[in-house]
């Protein structure tokens, strides 16, 4: 291979590697954002469930009333 062609191939490979790395970084960043939102949503749902359960327990005075008629099989 001529020196010019070899240099051109190296430049294209470097450019392709940079594009791949940038895409990889962007993808990881998007996944981290989704994970963060998912954790926040999970925490909101857990707090809501806790509030509902505690409300039911206070209102009925016993935990078993929450599962009245429910089978735990």
PDB file of N, CA and C in Angstrom:
ATOM      1  N   UNK A   1       0.838  -1.172   0.000  1.00  0.00           N
ATOM      2  CA  UNK A   1       0.000   0.000   0.000  1.00  0.00           C
ATOM      3  C   UNK A   1       0.881   1.232   0.000  1.00  0.00           C
ATOM      4  N   UNK A   2       0.461   2.214  -0.722  1.00  0.00           N
ATOM      5  CA  UNK A   2       1.252   3.447  -0.746  1.00  0.00           C
ATOM      6  C   UNK A   2       1.075   4.199   0.570  1.00  0.00           C
ATOM      7  N   UNK A   3       1.986   5.047   0.856  1.00  0.00           N
ATOM      8  CA  UNK A   3       1.956   5.840   2.082  1.00  0.00           C
ATOM      9  C   UNK A   3       0.714   6.721   2.124  1.00  0.00           C
ATOM     10  N   UNK A   4       0.333   7.275   1.000  1.00  0.00           N
ATOM     11  CA  UNK A   4      -0.839   8.148   0.925  1.00  0.00           C
ATOM     12  C   UNK A   4      -2.105   7.352   1.225  1.00  0.00           C
ATOM     13  N   UNK A   5      -2.222   6.189   0.624  1.00  0.00           N
ATOM     14  CA  UNK A   5      -3.397   5.346   0.844  1.00  0.00           C
ATOM     15  C   UNK A   5      -3.452   4.874   2.290  1.00  0.00           C
ATOM     16  N   UNK A   6      -2.314   4.481   2.834  1.00  0.00           N
ATOM     17  CA  UNK A   6      -2.258   4.041   4.225  1.00  0.00           C
ATOM     18  C   UNK A   6      -2.663   5.169   5.171  1.00  0.00           C
ATOM     19  N   UNK A   7      -2.213   6.366   4.896  1.00  0.00           N
ATOM     20  CA  UNK A   7      -2.574   7.527   5.705  1.00  0.00           C
ATOM     21  C   UNK A   7      -4.072   7.800   5.627  1.00  0.00           C
ATOM     22  N   UNK A   8      -4.631   7.677   4.422  1.00  0.00           N
ATOM     23  CA  UNK A   8      -6.065   7.886   4.235  1.00  0.00           C
ATOM     24  C   UNK A   8      -6.879   6.842   5.004  1.00  0.00           C
ATOM     25  N   UNK A   9      -6.451   5.597   4.954  1.00  0.00           N
ATOM     26  CA  UNK A   9      -7.143   4.524   5.674  1.00  0.00           C
ATOM     27  C   UNK A   9      -7.083   4.780   7.178  1.00  0.00           C
ATOM     28  N   UNK A  10      -5.931   5.179   7.683  1.00  0.00           N
ATOM     29  CA  UNK A  10      -5.791   5.479   9.113  1.00  0.00           C
ATOM     30  C   UNK A  10      -6.706   6.628   9.528  1.00  0.00           C
ATOM     31  N   UNK A  11      -6.785   7.668   8.701  1.00  0.00           N
ATOM     32  CA  UNK A  11      -7.660   8.798   9.000  1.00  0.00           C
ATOM     33  C   UNK A  11      -9.121   8.371   9.056  1.00  0.00           C
ATOM     34  N   UNK A  12      -9.549   7.551   8.089  1.00  0.00           N
ATOM     35  CA  UNK A  12     -10.936   7.103   8.056  1.00  0.00           C
ATOM     36  C   UNK A  12     -11.250   6.188   9.247  1.00  0.00           C
ATOM     37  N   UNK A  13     -10.290   5.325   9.593  1.00  0.00           N
ATOM     38  CA  UNK A  13     -10.495   4.454  10.753  1.00  0.00           C
ATOM     39  C   UNK A  13     -10.579   5.264  12.045  1.00  0.00           C
ATOM     40  N   UNK A  14      -9.750   6.266  12.154  1.00  0.00           N
ATOM     41  CA  UNK A  14      -9.793   7.132  13.338  1.00  0.00           C
ATOM     42  C   UNK A  14     -11.118   7.884  13.415  1.00  0.00           C
ATOM     43  N   UNK A  15     -11.566   8.398  12.281  1.00  0.00           N
ATOM     44  CA  UNK A  15     -12.840   9.126  12.245  1.00  0.00           C
ATOM     45  C   UNK A  15     -13.994   8.190  12.596  1.00  0.00           C
ATOM     46  N   UNK A  16     -13.963   6.981  12.067  1.00  0.00           N
ATOM     47  CA  UNK A  16     -15.016   6.012  12.370  1.00  0.00           C
ATOM     48  C   UNK A  16     -15.002   5.643  13.849  1.00  0.00           C
ATOM     49  N   UNK A  17     -13.814   5.455  14.412  1.00  0.00           N
ATOM     50  CA  UNK A  17     -13.704   5.129  15.836  1.00  0.00           C
ATOM     51  C   UNK A  17     -14.252   6.266  16.694  1.00  0.00           C
ATOM     52  N   UNK A  18     -13.970   7.496  16.327  1.00  0.00           N
ATOM     53  CA  UNK A  18     -14.496   8.650  17.066  1.00  0.00           C
ATOM     54  C   UNK A  18     -16.021   8.702  16.989  1.00  0.00           C
ATOM     55  N   UNK A  19     -16.578   8.428  15.826  1.00  0.00           N
ATOM     56  CA  UNK A  19     -18.042   8.418  15.669  1.00  0.00           C
ATOM     57  C   UNK A  19     -18.670   7.323  16.522  1.00  0.00           C
ATOM     58  N   UNK A  20     -18.059   6.146  16.504  1.00  0.00           N
ATOM     59  CA  UNK A  20     -18.573   5.028  17.300  1.00  0.00           C
ATOM     60  C   UNK A  20     -18.508   5.370  18.786  1.00  0.00           C
ATOM     61  N   UNK A  21     -17.398   5.931  19.225  1.00  0.00           N
ATOM     62  CA  UNK A  21     -17.248   6.297  20.629  1.00  0.00           C
ATOM     63  C   UNK A  21     -18.265   7.358  21.040  1.00  0.00           C
ATOM     64  N   UNK A  22     -18.484   8.360  20.191  1.00  0.00           N
ATOM     65  CA  UNK A  22     -19.469   9.401  20.493  1.00  0.00           C
ATOM     66  C   UNK A  22     -20.875   8.805  20.596  1.00  0.00           C
ATOM     67  N   UNK A  23     -21.207   7.896  19.695  1.00  0.00           N
ATOM     68  CA  UNK A  23     -22.510   7.235  19.748  1.00  0.00           C
ATOM     69  C   UNK A  23     -22.640   6.400  21.020  1.00  0.00           C
ATOM     70  N   UNK A  24     -21.587   5.704  21.377  1.00  0.00           N
ATOM     71  CA  UNK A  24     -21.578   4.904  22.598  1.00  0.00           C
ATOM     72  C   UNK A  24     -21.792   5.795  23.819  1.00  0.00           C
ATOM     73  N   UNK A  25     -21.076   6.922  23.888  1.00  0.00           N
ATOM     74  CA  UNK A  25     -21.242   7.842  25.015  1.00  0.00           C
ATOM     75  C   UNK A  25     -22.667   8.379  25.093  1.00  0.00           C
ATOM     76  N   UNK A  26     -23.237   8.726  23.937  1.00  0.00           N
ATOM     77  CA  UNK A  26     -24.606   9.254  23.892  1.00  0.00           C
ATOM     78  C   UNK A  26     -25.606   8.194  24.354  1.00  0.00           C
ATOM     79  N   UNK A  27     -25.402   6.957  23.911  1.00  0.00           N
ATOM     80  CA  UNK A  27     -26.298   5.866  24.297  1.00  0.00           C
ATOM     81  C   UNK A  27     -26.230   5.611  25.796  1.00  0.00           C
ATOM     82  N   UNK A  28     -25.024   5.568  26.346  1.00  0.00           N
ATOM     83  CA  UNK A  28     -24.866   5.369  27.785  1.00  0.00           C
ATOM     84  C   UNK A  28     -25.534   6.506  28.551  1.00  0.00           C
ATOM     85  N   UNK A  29     -25.366   7.727  28.089  1.00  0.00           N
ATOM     86  CA  UNK A  29     -25.984   8.877  28.738  1.00  0.00           C
ATOM     87  C   UNK A  29     -27.510   8.766  28.726  1.00  0.00           C
ATOM     88  N   UNK A  30     -28.069   8.348  27.606  1.00  0.00           N
ATOM     89  CA  UNK A  30     -29.523   8.170  27.508  1.00  0.00           C
ATOM     90  C   UNK A  30     -30.004   7.078  28.458  1.00  0.00           C
ATOM     91  N   UNK A  31     -29.262   5.973  28.548  1.00  0.00           N
ATOM     92  CA  UNK A  31     -29.640   4.896  29.460  1.00  0.00           C
ATOM     93  C   UNK A  31     -29.570   5.357  30.909  1.00  0.00           C
ATOM     94  N   UNK A  32     -28.559   6.156  31.239  1.00  0.00           N
ATOM     95  CA  UNK A  32     -28.447   6.672  32.603  1.00  0.00           C
ATOM     96  C   UNK A  32     -29.621   7.592  32.938  1.00  0.00           C
ATOM     97  N   UNK A  33     -30.026   8.417  31.975  1.00  0.00           N
ATOM     98  CA  UNK A  33     -31.169   9.302  32.188  1.00  0.00           C
ATOM     99  C   UNK A  33     -32.450   8.492  32.402  1.00  0.00           C
ATOM    100  N   UNK A  34     -32.644   7.465  31.571  1.00  0.00           N
ATOM    101  CA  UNK A  34     -33.828   6.612  31.714  1.00  0.00           C
ATOM    102  C   UNK A  34     -33.820   5.895  33.057  1.00  0.00           C
ATOM    103  N   UNK A  35     -32.662   5.420  33.477  1.00  0.00           N
ATOM    104  CA  UNK A  35     -32.554   4.740  34.761  1.00  0.00           C
ATOM    105  C   UNK A  35     -32.877   5.689  35.902  1.00  0.00           C
ATOM    106  N   UNK A  36     -32.381   6.903  35.813  1.00  0.00           N
ATOM    107  CA  UNK A  36     -32.658   7.902  36.841  1.00  0.00           C
ATOM    108  C   UNK A  36     -34.152   8.203  36.919  1.00  0.00           C
ATOM    109  N   UNK A  37     -34.792   8.395  35.750  1.00  0.00           N
ATOM    110  CA  UNK A  37     -36.240   8.645  35.743  1.00  0.00           C
ATOM    111  C   UNK A  37     -37.003   7.451  36.289  1.00  0.00           C
ATOM    112  N   UNK A  38     -36.553   6.259  35.949  1.00  0.00           N
ATOM    113  CA  UNK A  38     -37.211   5.045  36.428  1.00  0.00           C
ATOM    114  C   UNK A  38     -37.105   4.938  37.951  1.00  0.00           C
ATOM    115  N   UNK A  39     -35.931   5.253  38.487  1.00  0.00           N
ATOM    116  CA  UNK A  39     -35.754   5.224  39.946  1.00  0.00           C
ATOM    117  C   UNK A  39     -36.648   6.248  40.618  1.00  0.00           C
ATOM    118  N   UNK A  40     -36.736   7.450  40.030  1.00  0.00           N
ATOM    119  CA  UNK A  40     -37.601   8.490  40.595  1.00  0.00           C
ATOM    120  C   UNK A  40     -39.064   8.056  40.558  1.00  0.00           C
ATOM    121  N   UNK A  41     -39.477   7.466  39.455  1.00  0.00           N
ATOM    122  CA  UNK A  41     -40.854   6.993  39.336  1.00  0.00           C
ATOM    123  C   UNK A  41     -41.130   5.877  40.345  1.00  0.00           C
ATOM    124  N   UNK A  42     -40.189   4.983  40.486  1.00  0.00           N
ATOM    125  CA  UNK A  42     -40.335   3.888  41.453  1.00  0.00           C
ATOM    126  C   UNK A  42     -40.476   4.443  42.868  1.00  0.00           C
ATOM    127  N   UNK A  43     -39.663   5.441  43.203  1.00  0.00           N
ATOM    128  CA  UNK A  43     -39.728   6.043  44.533  1.00  0.00           C
ATOM    129  C   UNK A  43     -41.079   6.740  44.748  1.00  0.00           C
ATOM    130  N   UNK A  44     -41.580   7.454  43.738  1.00  0.00           N
ATOM    131  CA  UNK A  44     -42.902   8.092  43.856  1.00  0.00           C
ATOM    132  C   UNK A  44     -43.993   7.038  44.059  1.00  0.00           C
ATOM    133  N   UNK A  45     -43.917   5.952  43.275  1.00  0.00           N
ATOM    134  CA  UNK A  45     -44.911   4.880  43.399  1.00  0.00           C
ATOM    135  C   UNK A  45     -44.846   4.226  44.774  1.00  0.00           C
ATOM    136  N   UNK A  46     -43.632   4.017  45.293  1.00  0.00           N
ATOM    137  CA  UNK A  46     -43.477   3.403  46.609  1.00  0.00           C
ATOM    138  C   UNK A  46     -44.062   4.307  47.696  1.00  0.00           C
ATOM    139  N   UNK A  47     -43.801   5.612  47.594  1.00  0.00           N
ATOM    140  CA  UNK A  47     -44.350   6.548  48.575  1.00  0.00           C
ATOM    141  C   UNK A  47     -45.869   6.588  48.502  1.00  0.00           C
ATOM    142  N   UNK A  48     -46.413   6.558  47.298  1.00  0.00           N
ATOM    143  CA  UNK A  48     -47.860   6.548  47.137  1.00  0.00           C
ATOM    144  C   UNK A  48     -48.461   5.276  47.732  1.00  0.00           C
ATOM    145  N   UNK A  49     -47.842   4.140  47.455  1.00  0.00           N
ATOM    146  CA  UNK A  49     -48.325   2.876  48.013  1.00  0.00           C
ATOM    147  C   UNK A  49     -48.243   2.893  49.535  1.00  0.00           C
ATOM    148  N   UNK A  50     -47.136   3.389  50.072  1.00  0.00           N
ATOM    149  CA  UNK A  50     -47.011   3.481  51.528  1.00  0.00           C
ATOM    150  C   UNK A  50     -48.112   4.356  52.113  1.00  0.00           C
ATOM    151  N   UNK A  51     -48.385   5.487  51.463  1.00  0.00           N
ATOM    152  CA  UNK A  51     -49.426   6.394  51.965  1.00  0.00           C
ATOM    153  C   UNK A  51     -50.791   5.710  51.946  1.00  0.00           C
ATOM    154  N   UNK A  52     -51.079   4.992  50.884  1.00  0.00           N
ATOM    155  CA  UNK A  52     -52.367   4.302  50.785  1.00  0.00           C
ATOM    156  C   UNK A  52     -52.461   3.212  51.842  1.00  0.00           C
ATOM    157  N   UNK A  53     -51.414   2.422  51.981  1.00  0.00           N
ATOM    158  CA  UNK A  53     -51.433   1.338  52.971  1.00  0.00           C
ATOM    159  C   UNK A  53     -51.563   1.882  54.384  1.00  0.00           C
ATOM    160  N   UNK A  54     -50.813   2.921  54.702  1.00  0.00           N
ATOM    161  CA  UNK A  54     -50.898   3.490  56.048  1.00  0.00           C
ATOM    162  C   UNK A  54     -52.266   4.103  56.289  1.00  0.00           C
ATOM    163  N   UNK A  55     -52.854   4.697  55.274  1.00  0.00           N
ATOM    164  CA  UNK A  55     -54.192   5.261  55.399  1.00  0.00           C
ATOM    165  C   UNK A  55     -55.203   4.151  55.685  1.00  0.00           C
ATOM    166  N   UNK A  56     -55.081   3.043  54.952  1.00  0.00           N
ATOM    167  CA  UNK A  56     -55.994   1.919  55.149  1.00  0.00           C
ATOM    168  C   UNK A  56     -55.814   1.301  56.531  1.00  0.00           C
ATOM    169  N   UNK A  57     -54.584   1.181  56.972  1.00  0.00           N
ATOM    170  CA  UNK A  57     -54.310   0.580  58.282  1.00  0.00           C
ATOM    171  C   UNK A  57     -54.888   1.453  59.383  1.00  0.00           C
ATOM    172  N   UNK A  58     -54.685   2.770  59.287  1.00  0.00           N
ATOM    173  CA  UNK A  58     -55.226   3.682  60.297  1.00  0.00           C
ATOM    174  C   UNK A  58     -56.747   3.664  60.304  1.00  0.00           C
ATOM    175  N   UNK A  59     -57.339   3.611  59.111  1.00  0.00           N
ATOM    176  CA  UNK A  59     -58.792   3.664  59.008  1.00  0.00           C
ATOM    177  C   UNK A  59     -59.437   2.383  59.524  1.00  0.00           C
ATOM    178  N   UNK A  60     -58.853   1.238  59.224  1.00  0.00           N
ATOM    179  CA  UNK A  60     -59.458  -0.030  59.629  1.00  0.00           C
ATOM    180  C   UNK A  60     -58.935  -0.518  60.963  1.00  0.00           C
ATOM    181  N   UNK A  61     -57.772  -0.054  61.342  1.00  0.00           N
ATOM    182  CA  UNK A  61     -57.208  -0.474  62.608  1.00  0.00           C
ATOM    183  C   UNK A  61     -56.505  -1.818  62.531  1.00  0.00           C
ATOM    184  N   UNK A  62     -56.509  -2.444  61.376  1.00  0.00           N
ATOM    185  CA  UNK A  62     -55.800  -3.726  61.265  1.00  0.00           C
ATOM    186  C   UNK A  62     -55.378  -3.951  59.824  1.00  0.00           C
ATOM    187  N   UNK A  63     -54.228  -4.563  59.650  1.00  0.00           N
ATOM    188  CA  UNK A  63     -53.648  -4.798  58.343  1.00  0.00           C
ATOM    189  C   UNK A  63     -54.434  -5.815  57.549  1.00  0.00           C
ATOM    190  N   UNK A  64     -54.996  -6.825  58.189  1.00  0.00           N
ATOM    191  CA  UNK A  64     -55.687  -7.908  57.476  1.00  0.00           C
ATOM    192  C   UNK A  64     -56.882  -7.403  56.687  1.00  0.00           C
ATOM    193  N   UNK A  65     -57.423  -6.258  57.075  1.00  0.00           N
ATOM    194  CA  UNK A  65     -58.578  -5.717  56.356  1.00  0.00           C
ATOM    195  C   UNK A  65     -58.204  -5.338  54.914  1.00  0.00           C
ATOM    196  N   UNK A  66     -56.954  -5.067  54.673  1.00  0.00           N
ATOM    197  CA  UNK A  66     -56.520  -4.735  53.312  1.00  0.00           C
ATOM    198  C   UNK A  66     -56.683  -5.908  52.374  1.00  0.00           C
ATOM    199  N   UNK A  67     -56.566  -7.109  52.913  1.00  0.00           N
ATOM    200  CA  UNK A  67     -56.583  -8.303  52.081  1.00  0.00           C
ATOM    201  C   UNK A  67     -57.854  -9.125  52.287  1.00  0.00           C
ATOM    202  N   UNK A  68     -58.873  -8.528  52.796  1.00  0.00           N
ATOM    203  CA  UNK A  68     -60.133  -9.212  53.033  1.00  0.00           C
ATOM    204  C   UNK A  68     -60.665  -9.776  51.726  1.00  0.00           C
ATOM    205  N   UNK A  69     -60.802 -11.090  51.681  1.00  0.00           N
ATOM    206  CA  UNK A  69     -61.303 -11.738  50.482  1.00  0.00           C
ATOM    207  C   UNK A  69     -60.240 -12.061  49.469  1.00  0.00           C
ATOM    208  N   UNK A  70     -59.002 -11.694  49.707  1.00  0.00           N
ATOM    209  CA  UNK A  70     -57.905 -11.978  48.769  1.00  0.00           C
ATOM    210  C   UNK A  70     -57.225 -13.275  49.144  1.00  0.00           C
ATOM    211  N   UNK A  71     -56.940 -14.067  48.144  1.00  0.00           N
ATOM    212  CA  UNK A  71     -56.195 -15.290  48.385  1.00  0.00           C
ATOM    213  C   UNK A  71     -54.717 -15.025  48.196  1.00  0.00           C
ATOM    214  N   UNK A  72     -53.904 -15.517  49.102  1.00  0.00           N
ATOM    215  CA  UNK A  72     -52.462 -15.324  49.031  1.00  0.00           C
ATOM    216  C   UNK A  72     -51.770 -16.568  48.506  1.00  0.00           C
ATOM    217  N   UNK A  73     -52.522 -17.435  47.831  1.00  0.00           N
ATOM    218  CA  UNK A  73     -51.918 -18.682  47.300  1.00  0.00           C
ATOM    219  C   UNK A  73     -50.974 -18.385  46.189  1.00  0.00           C
TER     220      UNK A  73
END
